[in-house]
Amino acid sequence: MNWYIGIAEHDYEHMPFNADVPRNWAFFPLFPLLLRLASYVTGEFVITGMVLSHICFLLALFLLHRVALLFGLSACDADRSLFYLAVFPTSYFFSIPLPESLFLMLTVASFYFAKSERWWLAGLFGAFASATRTTGVLLLPALAVLYWEMYRPLPSIRNLRKDGLALLWFLPGSCRS
């Protein structure tokens, strides 16, 4: 059985730690939480997880096209990037009930809002990405570099823009309960 579906159906296991038996504690909570919320409507987990993954992937494709345009690619190159992402041999992972498509959507949304100079939303989506996978925390330095390239603040703390504090959303988002 899929670990994420098991978490969505039965929650995390409440047992003492034992390294000899695999437990579901290693899996991040955002995808199972969304799956559980969506299953209240459908009453089913596997197909709901697949539909949720497809919706997240579709939204990620729309956002990726916009991000590619914001970063200066031509419309033809942006279209080509979507095509290559959609037909890549391992893209089937975006259609099964795993957090891959959710993570992609949150990551691309974080860059989209950062490039659109809406740093609070960029930080929030980055924090959600860090609640989906361990590598979501790596968005913080990437967004910090993007922020620095866009504004190039002087080395003094007083010269930072207030919206740069939005990247602090990562601090509570990277902690798991």
N, C-alpha and C. Protein backbone atom coordinates (compact mmCIF):
# COMPACT_ATOMS: atom_id res chain seq x y z
N MET A 1 0.84 -1.18 0.00
CA MET A 1 0.00 0.00 0.00
C MET A 1 0.89 1.24 0.00
N ASN A 2 0.41 2.27 -0.59
CA ASN A 2 1.10 3.55 -0.64
C ASN A 2 1.16 4.15 0.76
N TRP A 3 2.33 4.61 1.17
CA TRP A 3 2.49 5.18 2.51
C TRP A 3 1.61 6.40 2.70
N TYR A 4 1.50 7.23 1.68
CA TYR A 4 0.73 8.47 1.81
C TYR A 4 -0.76 8.19 1.94
N ILE A 5 -1.25 7.20 1.22
CA ILE A 5 -2.66 6.83 1.36
C ILE A 5 -2.91 6.26 2.74
N GLY A 6 -1.97 5.47 3.24
CA GLY A 6 -2.10 4.94 4.60
C GLY A 6 -2.14 6.04 5.65
N ILE A 7 -1.33 7.07 5.47
CA ILE A 7 -1.35 8.19 6.41
C ILE A 7 -2.66 8.95 6.31
N ALA A 8 -3.15 9.14 5.08
CA ALA A 8 -4.41 9.86 4.89
C ALA A 8 -5.58 9.09 5.50
N GLU A 9 -5.56 7.77 5.38
CA GLU A 9 -6.65 6.95 5.91
C GLU A 9 -6.57 6.77 7.43
N HIS A 10 -5.38 6.47 7.92
CA HIS A 10 -5.24 6.05 9.32
C HIS A 10 -4.40 6.97 10.19
N ASP A 11 -3.88 8.04 9.65
CA ASP A 11 -3.02 8.99 10.36
C ASP A 11 -1.65 8.36 10.62
N TYR A 12 -0.77 9.11 11.23
CA TYR A 12 0.56 8.60 11.57
C TYR A 12 0.44 7.59 12.70
N GLU A 13 1.36 6.63 12.71
CA GLU A 13 1.35 5.60 13.74
C GLU A 13 1.77 6.19 15.08
N HIS A 14 1.11 5.77 16.12
CA HIS A 14 1.42 6.22 17.48
C HIS A 14 1.98 5.05 18.27
N MET A 15 3.24 4.74 18.01
CA MET A 15 3.91 3.62 18.66
C MET A 15 5.30 4.06 19.10
N PRO A 16 5.87 3.35 20.04
CA PRO A 16 7.25 3.66 20.43
C PRO A 16 8.21 3.41 19.27
N PHE A 17 9.31 4.14 19.28
CA PHE A 17 10.29 4.04 18.21
C PHE A 17 10.95 2.67 18.24
N ASN A 18 11.04 2.05 17.06
CA ASN A 18 11.72 0.78 16.88
C ASN A 18 12.34 0.81 15.49
N ALA A 19 13.65 0.77 15.42
CA ALA A 19 14.35 0.89 14.14
C ALA A 19 14.22 -0.36 13.28
N ASP A 20 13.74 -1.47 13.84
CA ASP A 20 13.63 -2.71 13.08
C ASP A 20 12.38 -2.77 12.20
N VAL A 21 11.39 -1.94 12.52
CA VAL A 21 10.12 -1.99 11.80
C VAL A 21 9.92 -0.66 11.07
N PRO A 22 9.61 -0.70 9.77
CA PRO A 22 9.39 0.57 9.06
C PRO A 22 8.10 1.24 9.54
N ARG A 23 8.18 2.53 9.73
CA ARG A 23 7.04 3.33 10.18
C ARG A 23 6.79 4.44 9.17
N ASN A 24 5.65 5.08 9.26
CA ASN A 24 5.29 6.13 8.31
C ASN A 24 5.69 7.52 8.78
N TRP A 25 6.51 7.61 9.77
CA TRP A 25 6.90 8.91 10.34
C TRP A 25 7.78 9.71 9.41
N ALA A 26 8.42 9.08 8.45
CA ALA A 26 9.37 9.77 7.59
C ALA A 26 8.69 10.56 6.47
N PHE A 27 7.40 10.44 6.34
CA PHE A 27 6.70 11.06 5.22
C PHE A 27 6.06 12.37 5.65
N PHE A 28 6.23 13.37 4.83
CA PHE A 28 5.78 14.73 5.17
C PHE A 28 4.26 14.83 5.08
N PRO A 29 3.65 15.75 5.83
CA PRO A 29 2.20 15.70 6.05
C PRO A 29 1.31 16.42 5.04
N LEU A 30 1.82 17.28 4.17
CA LEU A 30 0.91 18.11 3.38
C LEU A 30 0.09 17.31 2.38
N PHE A 31 0.71 16.40 1.65
CA PHE A 31 -0.06 15.62 0.68
C PHE A 31 -1.09 14.73 1.36
N PRO A 32 -0.76 13.98 2.42
CA PRO A 32 -1.81 13.19 3.09
C PRO A 32 -2.93 14.06 3.66
N LEU A 33 -2.60 15.25 4.12
CA LEU A 33 -3.63 16.14 4.64
C LEU A 33 -4.59 16.57 3.53
N LEU A 34 -4.06 16.97 2.38
CA LEU A 34 -4.91 17.34 1.25
C LEU A 34 -5.72 16.15 0.74
N LEU A 35 -5.10 14.98 0.75
CA LEU A 35 -5.81 13.78 0.31
C LEU A 35 -6.95 13.44 1.26
N ARG A 36 -6.72 13.58 2.54
CA ARG A 36 -7.78 13.32 3.52
C ARG A 36 -8.93 14.31 3.35
N LEU A 37 -8.60 15.59 3.15
CA LEU A 37 -9.65 16.59 2.96
C LEU A 37 -10.45 16.32 1.68
N ALA A 38 -9.77 15.94 0.60
CA ALA A 38 -10.47 15.64 -0.65
C ALA A 38 -11.29 14.36 -0.54
N SER A 39 -10.83 13.42 0.27
CA SER A 39 -11.57 12.16 0.39
C SER A 39 -12.87 12.33 1.18
N TYR A 40 -13.01 13.42 1.94
CA TYR A 40 -14.29 13.68 2.59
C TYR A 40 -15.38 13.90 1.56
N VAL A 41 -15.01 14.42 0.40
CA VAL A 41 -15.98 14.66 -0.67
C VAL A 41 -16.24 13.37 -1.44
N THR A 42 -15.18 12.63 -1.75
CA THR A 42 -15.32 11.46 -2.61
C THR A 42 -15.55 10.16 -1.85
N GLY A 43 -15.03 10.06 -0.64
CA GLY A 43 -15.15 8.82 0.13
C GLY A 43 -14.17 7.75 -0.31
N GLU A 44 -13.20 8.09 -1.13
CA GLU A 44 -12.25 7.14 -1.68
C GLU A 44 -10.87 7.78 -1.67
N PHE A 45 -9.82 6.96 -1.58
CA PHE A 45 -8.48 7.52 -1.43
C PHE A 45 -7.60 7.37 -2.67
N VAL A 46 -7.59 6.21 -3.30
CA VAL A 46 -6.64 5.97 -4.39
C VAL A 46 -6.98 6.85 -5.60
N ILE A 47 -8.21 6.78 -6.07
CA ILE A 47 -8.58 7.58 -7.24
C ILE A 47 -8.55 9.07 -6.90
N THR A 48 -8.96 9.41 -5.68
CA THR A 48 -8.89 10.81 -5.25
C THR A 48 -7.45 11.30 -5.26
N GLY A 49 -6.52 10.46 -4.82
CA GLY A 49 -5.10 10.82 -4.86
C GLY A 49 -4.60 11.01 -6.27
N MET A 50 -5.06 10.18 -7.18
CA MET A 50 -4.66 10.32 -8.58
C MET A 50 -5.23 11.61 -9.17
N VAL A 51 -6.49 11.90 -8.88
CA VAL A 51 -7.10 13.13 -9.39
C VAL A 51 -6.40 14.35 -8.79
N LEU A 52 -6.10 14.29 -7.50
CA LEU A 52 -5.39 15.39 -6.85
C LEU A 52 -4.03 15.61 -7.49
N SER A 53 -3.32 14.52 -7.78
CA SER A 53 -2.02 14.64 -8.44
C SER A 53 -2.15 15.23 -9.84
N HIS A 54 -3.17 14.81 -10.58
CA HIS A 54 -3.37 15.36 -11.93
C HIS A 54 -3.71 16.84 -11.88
N ILE A 55 -4.54 17.24 -10.94
CA ILE A 55 -4.90 18.67 -10.82
C ILE A 55 -3.66 19.49 -10.48
N CYS A 56 -2.86 19.00 -9.54
CA CYS A 56 -1.63 19.73 -9.16
C CYS A 56 -0.67 19.81 -10.34
N PHE A 57 -0.57 18.74 -11.12
CA PHE A 57 0.33 18.75 -12.27
C PHE A 57 -0.16 19.73 -13.33
N LEU A 58 -1.46 19.76 -13.56
CA LEU A 58 -2.01 20.70 -14.54
C LEU A 58 -1.76 22.15 -14.10
N LEU A 59 -1.99 22.43 -12.83
CA LEU A 59 -1.70 23.78 -12.32
C LEU A 59 -0.21 24.10 -12.41
N ALA A 60 0.62 23.10 -12.16
CA ALA A 60 2.07 23.30 -12.26
C ALA A 60 2.47 23.63 -13.70
N LEU A 61 1.84 22.99 -14.66
CA LEU A 61 2.15 23.27 -16.06
C LEU A 61 1.75 24.69 -16.44
N PHE A 62 0.57 25.13 -16.00
CA PHE A 62 0.16 26.51 -16.29
C PHE A 62 1.13 27.51 -15.65
N LEU A 63 1.48 27.26 -14.40
CA LEU A 63 2.39 28.18 -13.71
C LEU A 63 3.78 28.14 -14.32
N LEU A 64 4.23 26.96 -14.72
CA LEU A 64 5.56 26.85 -15.32
C LEU A 64 5.64 27.65 -16.62
N HIS A 65 4.59 27.65 -17.40
CA HIS A 65 4.59 28.43 -18.62
C HIS A 65 4.73 29.92 -18.30
N ARG A 66 4.00 30.36 -17.30
CA ARG A 66 4.08 31.77 -16.91
C ARG A 66 5.44 32.13 -16.32
N VAL A 67 6.01 31.21 -15.55
CA VAL A 67 7.34 31.46 -14.97
C VAL A 67 8.39 31.52 -16.08
N ALA A 68 8.28 30.63 -17.05
CA ALA A 68 9.23 30.65 -18.16
C ALA A 68 9.17 31.98 -18.90
N LEU A 69 7.96 32.50 -19.09
CA LEU A 69 7.82 33.80 -19.74
C LEU A 69 8.38 34.92 -18.87
N LEU A 70 8.16 34.84 -17.55
CA LEU A 70 8.67 35.87 -16.65
C LEU A 70 10.20 35.88 -16.59
N PHE A 71 10.81 34.72 -16.80
CA PHE A 71 12.26 34.64 -16.79
C PHE A 71 12.87 34.95 -18.15
N GLY A 72 12.03 35.36 -19.11
CA GLY A 72 12.55 35.84 -20.38
C GLY A 72 12.57 34.84 -21.51
N LEU A 73 12.02 33.65 -21.34
CA LEU A 73 11.97 32.71 -22.45
C LEU A 73 10.90 33.15 -23.44
N SER A 74 11.06 32.75 -24.67
CA SER A 74 10.04 33.04 -25.67
C SER A 74 8.85 32.11 -25.45
N ALA A 75 7.72 32.44 -26.04
CA ALA A 75 6.53 31.61 -25.90
C ALA A 75 6.77 30.21 -26.47
N CYS A 76 7.54 30.14 -27.56
CA CYS A 76 7.86 28.85 -28.16
C CYS A 76 8.71 28.00 -27.20
N ASP A 77 9.69 28.62 -26.55
CA ASP A 77 10.53 27.89 -25.60
C ASP A 77 9.74 27.49 -24.36
N ALA A 78 8.83 28.33 -23.91
CA ALA A 78 7.98 27.99 -22.77
C ALA A 78 7.08 26.81 -23.11
N ASP A 79 6.51 26.81 -24.31
CA ASP A 79 5.69 25.68 -24.74
C ASP A 79 6.50 24.40 -24.82
N ARG A 80 7.70 24.51 -25.33
CA ARG A 80 8.58 23.35 -25.45
C ARG A 80 8.95 22.80 -24.08
N SER A 81 9.16 23.67 -23.11
CA SER A 81 9.50 23.18 -21.76
C SER A 81 8.35 22.39 -21.16
N LEU A 82 7.12 22.83 -21.41
CA LEU A 82 5.95 22.08 -20.92
C LEU A 82 5.86 20.72 -21.60
N PHE A 83 6.10 20.71 -22.90
CA PHE A 83 6.04 19.45 -23.63
C PHE A 83 7.06 18.46 -23.09
N TYR A 84 8.28 18.92 -22.89
CA TYR A 84 9.33 18.01 -22.41
C TYR A 84 9.04 17.52 -21.00
N LEU A 85 8.50 18.38 -20.17
CA LEU A 85 8.15 17.95 -18.82
C LEU A 85 7.03 16.91 -18.85
N ALA A 86 6.05 17.11 -19.71
CA ALA A 86 4.90 16.22 -19.75
C ALA A 86 5.21 14.86 -20.37
N VAL A 87 6.15 14.79 -21.31
CA VAL A 87 6.42 13.52 -22.00
C VAL A 87 7.70 12.85 -21.53
N PHE A 88 8.38 13.42 -20.56
CA PHE A 88 9.60 12.79 -20.04
C PHE A 88 9.23 11.41 -19.49
N PRO A 89 10.08 10.41 -19.67
CA PRO A 89 9.71 9.04 -19.26
C PRO A 89 9.30 8.89 -17.78
N THR A 90 9.84 9.68 -16.90
CA THR A 90 9.46 9.53 -15.49
C THR A 90 8.31 10.44 -15.09
N SER A 91 7.66 11.08 -16.04
CA SER A 91 6.54 11.96 -15.72
C SER A 91 5.32 11.22 -15.23
N TYR A 92 5.31 9.90 -15.34
CA TYR A 92 4.18 9.16 -14.81
C TYR A 92 4.08 9.29 -13.29
N PHE A 93 5.16 9.68 -12.63
CA PHE A 93 5.11 9.91 -11.19
C PHE A 93 4.18 11.07 -10.84
N PHE A 94 3.94 11.95 -11.80
CA PHE A 94 3.02 13.06 -11.56
C PHE A 94 1.56 12.64 -11.60
N SER A 95 1.27 11.41 -11.97
CA SER A 95 -0.12 10.96 -12.06
C SER A 95 -0.50 9.93 -11.02
N ILE A 96 0.43 9.50 -10.21
CA ILE A 96 0.09 8.54 -9.16
C ILE A 96 -0.03 9.28 -7.84
N PRO A 97 -0.70 8.71 -6.86
CA PRO A 97 -0.93 9.42 -5.60
C PRO A 97 0.33 9.56 -4.74
N LEU A 98 1.22 10.39 -5.21
CA LEU A 98 2.45 10.74 -4.51
C LEU A 98 2.56 12.26 -4.51
N PRO A 99 3.38 12.85 -3.64
CA PRO A 99 3.44 14.31 -3.55
C PRO A 99 4.29 14.98 -4.63
N GLU A 100 4.73 14.26 -5.64
CA GLU A 100 5.60 14.85 -6.64
C GLU A 100 4.95 16.03 -7.36
N SER A 101 3.72 15.85 -7.82
CA SER A 101 3.06 16.93 -8.56
C SER A 101 2.71 18.09 -7.63
N LEU A 102 2.36 17.81 -6.39
CA LEU A 102 2.10 18.88 -5.43
C LEU A 102 3.37 19.68 -5.17
N PHE A 103 4.49 18.99 -5.00
CA PHE A 103 5.76 19.67 -4.77
C PHE A 103 6.15 20.51 -5.97
N LEU A 104 5.97 19.97 -7.18
CA LEU A 104 6.27 20.74 -8.39
C LEU A 104 5.42 21.99 -8.46
N MET A 105 4.13 21.84 -8.20
CA MET A 105 3.22 22.99 -8.27
C MET A 105 3.62 24.05 -7.24
N LEU A 106 3.92 23.64 -6.01
CA LEU A 106 4.28 24.61 -4.97
C LEU A 106 5.61 25.28 -5.27
N THR A 107 6.55 24.54 -5.81
CA THR A 107 7.85 25.11 -6.15
C THR A 107 7.73 26.13 -7.27
N VAL A 108 7.00 25.77 -8.31
CA VAL A 108 6.84 26.68 -9.44
C VAL A 108 6.02 27.90 -9.01
N ALA A 109 5.00 27.69 -8.17
CA ALA A 109 4.21 28.82 -7.67
C ALA A 109 5.07 29.76 -6.84
N SER A 110 5.99 29.21 -6.07
CA SER A 110 6.88 30.04 -5.27
C SER A 110 7.75 30.92 -6.16
N PHE A 111 8.30 30.36 -7.23
CA PHE A 111 9.09 31.16 -8.16
C PHE A 111 8.23 32.14 -8.93
N TYR A 112 7.01 31.74 -9.28
CA TYR A 112 6.12 32.66 -9.99
C TYR A 112 5.82 33.89 -9.15
N PHE A 113 5.47 33.69 -7.89
CA PHE A 113 5.15 34.83 -7.04
C PHE A 113 6.39 35.65 -6.70
N ALA A 114 7.54 35.00 -6.60
CA ALA A 114 8.77 35.74 -6.36
C ALA A 114 9.11 36.63 -7.56
N LYS A 115 8.99 36.07 -8.74
CA LYS A 115 9.30 36.86 -9.93
C LYS A 115 8.26 37.95 -10.16
N SER A 116 7.04 37.75 -9.66
CA SER A 116 5.98 38.76 -9.75
C SER A 116 6.06 39.77 -8.61
N GLU A 117 7.10 39.66 -7.80
CA GLU A 117 7.36 40.55 -6.66
C GLU A 117 6.27 40.50 -5.59
N ARG A 118 5.68 39.34 -5.43
CA ARG A 118 4.74 39.10 -4.33
C ARG A 118 5.43 38.12 -3.38
N TRP A 119 6.34 38.67 -2.59
CA TRP A 119 7.23 37.85 -1.78
C TRP A 119 6.53 37.13 -0.66
N TRP A 120 5.45 37.67 -0.13
CA TRP A 120 4.74 36.98 0.94
C TRP A 120 4.14 35.68 0.43
N LEU A 121 3.58 35.72 -0.77
CA LEU A 121 3.04 34.49 -1.35
C LEU A 121 4.16 33.53 -1.75
N ALA A 122 5.26 34.07 -2.23
CA ALA A 122 6.41 33.21 -2.57
C ALA A 122 6.91 32.48 -1.33
N GLY A 123 7.02 33.20 -0.23
CA GLY A 123 7.45 32.56 1.01
C GLY A 123 6.45 31.55 1.53
N LEU A 124 5.17 31.85 1.41
CA LEU A 124 4.14 30.93 1.87
C LEU A 124 4.13 29.65 1.05
N PHE A 125 4.19 29.77 -0.27
CA PHE A 125 4.21 28.58 -1.11
C PHE A 125 5.50 27.79 -0.91
N GLY A 126 6.60 28.48 -0.65
CA GLY A 126 7.84 27.78 -0.34
C GLY A 126 7.75 27.03 0.97
N ALA A 127 7.08 27.61 1.96
CA ALA A 127 6.89 26.92 3.23
C ALA A 127 6.02 25.68 3.04
N PHE A 128 4.98 25.79 2.20
CA PHE A 128 4.16 24.62 1.91
C PHE A 128 4.98 23.55 1.18
N ALA A 129 5.86 23.98 0.30
CA ALA A 129 6.73 23.01 -0.39
C ALA A 129 7.64 22.30 0.60
N SER A 130 8.10 23.01 1.61
CA SER A 130 8.96 22.37 2.61
C SER A 130 8.16 21.46 3.53
N ALA A 131 6.83 21.58 3.53
CA ALA A 131 5.97 20.64 4.28
C ALA A 131 5.57 19.46 3.40
N THR A 132 6.12 19.42 2.19
CA THR A 132 5.81 18.33 1.26
C THR A 132 7.00 17.41 1.07
N ARG A 133 8.18 17.97 1.00
CA ARG A 133 9.40 17.19 0.81
C ARG A 133 10.55 17.88 1.54
N THR A 134 11.57 17.12 1.85
CA THR A 134 12.75 17.66 2.52
C THR A 134 13.42 18.73 1.66
N THR A 135 13.47 18.52 0.37
CA THR A 135 14.15 19.45 -0.53
C THR A 135 13.43 20.78 -0.67
N GLY A 136 12.23 20.89 -0.12
CA GLY A 136 11.53 22.17 -0.15
C GLY A 136 12.29 23.25 0.59
N VAL A 137 13.08 22.87 1.57
CA VAL A 137 13.88 23.84 2.32
C VAL A 137 14.92 24.49 1.43
N LEU A 138 15.32 23.81 0.36
CA LEU A 138 16.32 24.37 -0.55
C LEU A 138 15.77 25.51 -1.40
N LEU A 139 14.47 25.74 -1.36
CA LEU A 139 13.91 26.90 -2.04
C LEU A 139 14.33 28.20 -1.36
N LEU A 140 14.57 28.14 -0.06
CA LEU A 140 14.95 29.36 0.66
C LEU A 140 16.21 30.00 0.09
N PRO A 141 17.33 29.28 -0.07
CA PRO A 141 18.49 29.95 -0.67
C PRO A 141 18.26 30.34 -2.12
N ALA A 142 17.50 29.54 -2.86
CA ALA A 142 17.24 29.89 -4.26
C ALA A 142 16.42 31.17 -4.36
N LEU A 143 15.40 31.31 -3.52
CA LEU A 143 14.60 32.53 -3.53
C LEU A 143 15.39 33.71 -2.97
N ALA A 144 16.27 33.46 -2.02
CA ALA A 144 17.10 34.54 -1.49
C ALA A 144 18.04 35.08 -2.58
N VAL A 145 18.59 34.18 -3.39
CA VAL A 145 19.45 34.62 -4.49
C VAL A 145 18.63 35.38 -5.52
N LEU A 146 17.44 34.91 -5.82
CA LEU A 146 16.57 35.62 -6.76
C LEU A 146 16.21 37.00 -6.22
N TYR A 147 15.93 37.09 -4.94
CA TYR A 147 15.62 38.37 -4.31
C TYR A 147 16.82 39.31 -4.41
N TRP A 148 18.00 38.78 -4.13
CA TRP A 148 19.21 39.60 -4.18
C TRP A 148 19.47 40.07 -5.61
N GLU A 149 19.27 39.20 -6.59
CA GLU A 149 19.48 39.61 -7.98
C GLU A 149 18.48 40.65 -8.44
N MET A 150 17.27 40.60 -7.91
CA MET A 150 16.25 41.55 -8.34
C MET A 150 16.45 42.93 -7.71
N TYR A 151 16.93 42.97 -6.47
CA TYR A 151 17.01 44.26 -5.77
C TYR A 151 18.42 44.68 -5.39
N ARG A 152 19.34 43.75 -5.29
CA ARG A 152 20.72 44.02 -4.90
C ARG A 152 20.82 45.02 -3.75
N PRO A 153 20.33 44.61 -2.59
CA PRO A 153 20.39 45.53 -1.44
C PRO A 153 21.84 45.74 -0.99
N LEU A 154 22.07 46.85 -0.39
CA LEU A 154 23.39 47.11 0.17
C LEU A 154 23.61 46.19 1.36
N PRO A 155 24.84 45.99 1.78
CA PRO A 155 25.10 45.02 2.84
C PRO A 155 24.45 45.35 4.18
N SER A 156 23.96 46.53 4.37
CA SER A 156 23.37 46.89 5.65
C SER A 156 21.99 46.27 5.80
N ILE A 157 21.67 45.86 6.99
CA ILE A 157 20.35 45.28 7.29
C ILE A 157 19.26 46.32 7.10
N ARG A 158 19.55 47.57 7.35
CA ARG A 158 18.54 48.63 7.22
C ARG A 158 18.10 48.85 5.78
N ASN A 159 18.91 48.40 4.82
CA ASN A 159 18.59 48.62 3.42
C ASN A 159 17.79 47.48 2.79
N LEU A 160 17.45 46.47 3.58
CA LEU A 160 16.62 45.40 3.04
C LEU A 160 15.18 45.87 2.92
N ARG A 161 14.52 45.41 1.88
CA ARG A 161 13.11 45.72 1.72
C ARG A 161 12.30 44.87 2.71
N LYS A 162 11.18 45.40 3.16
CA LYS A 162 10.37 44.68 4.13
C LYS A 162 9.79 43.39 3.56
N ASP A 163 9.53 43.36 2.25
CA ASP A 163 8.96 42.14 1.69
C ASP A 163 9.97 41.00 1.65
N GLY A 164 11.25 41.29 1.84
CA GLY A 164 12.24 40.23 1.94
C GLY A 164 12.07 39.38 3.17
N LEU A 165 11.40 39.91 4.19
CA LEU A 165 11.11 39.14 5.39
C LEU A 165 10.11 38.01 5.12
N ALA A 166 9.45 38.07 3.99
CA ALA A 166 8.49 37.03 3.65
C ALA A 166 9.16 35.67 3.52
N LEU A 167 10.44 35.65 3.24
CA LEU A 167 11.14 34.37 3.13
C LEU A 167 11.24 33.67 4.47
N LEU A 168 10.93 34.37 5.55
CA LEU A 168 10.94 33.73 6.87
C LEU A 168 9.78 32.76 7.06
N TRP A 169 8.85 32.71 6.13
CA TRP A 169 7.80 31.70 6.18
C TRP A 169 8.41 30.30 6.21
N PHE A 170 9.62 30.16 5.67
CA PHE A 170 10.26 28.85 5.64
C PHE A 170 10.57 28.33 7.02
N LEU A 171 10.79 29.21 7.97
CA LEU A 171 11.20 28.73 9.28
C LEU A 171 10.14 27.85 9.93
N PRO A 172 8.86 28.29 10.04
CA PRO A 172 7.89 27.36 10.61
C PRO A 172 7.49 26.27 9.65
N GLY A 173 7.61 26.51 8.34
CA GLY A 173 7.19 25.49 7.36
C GLY A 173 8.14 24.33 7.28
N SER A 174 9.40 24.52 7.66
CA SER A 174 10.34 23.43 7.55
C SER A 174 10.30 22.52 8.77
N CYS A 175 9.60 22.91 9.82
CA CYS A 175 9.48 22.08 11.01
C CYS A 175 8.27 21.18 10.87
N ARG A 176 8.45 19.92 11.16
CA ARG A 176 7.33 18.99 11.07
C ARG A 176 6.83 18.68 12.47
N SER A 177 5.54 18.45 12.56
CA SER A 177 4.99 18.08 13.88
C SER A 177 4.99 16.59 14.06
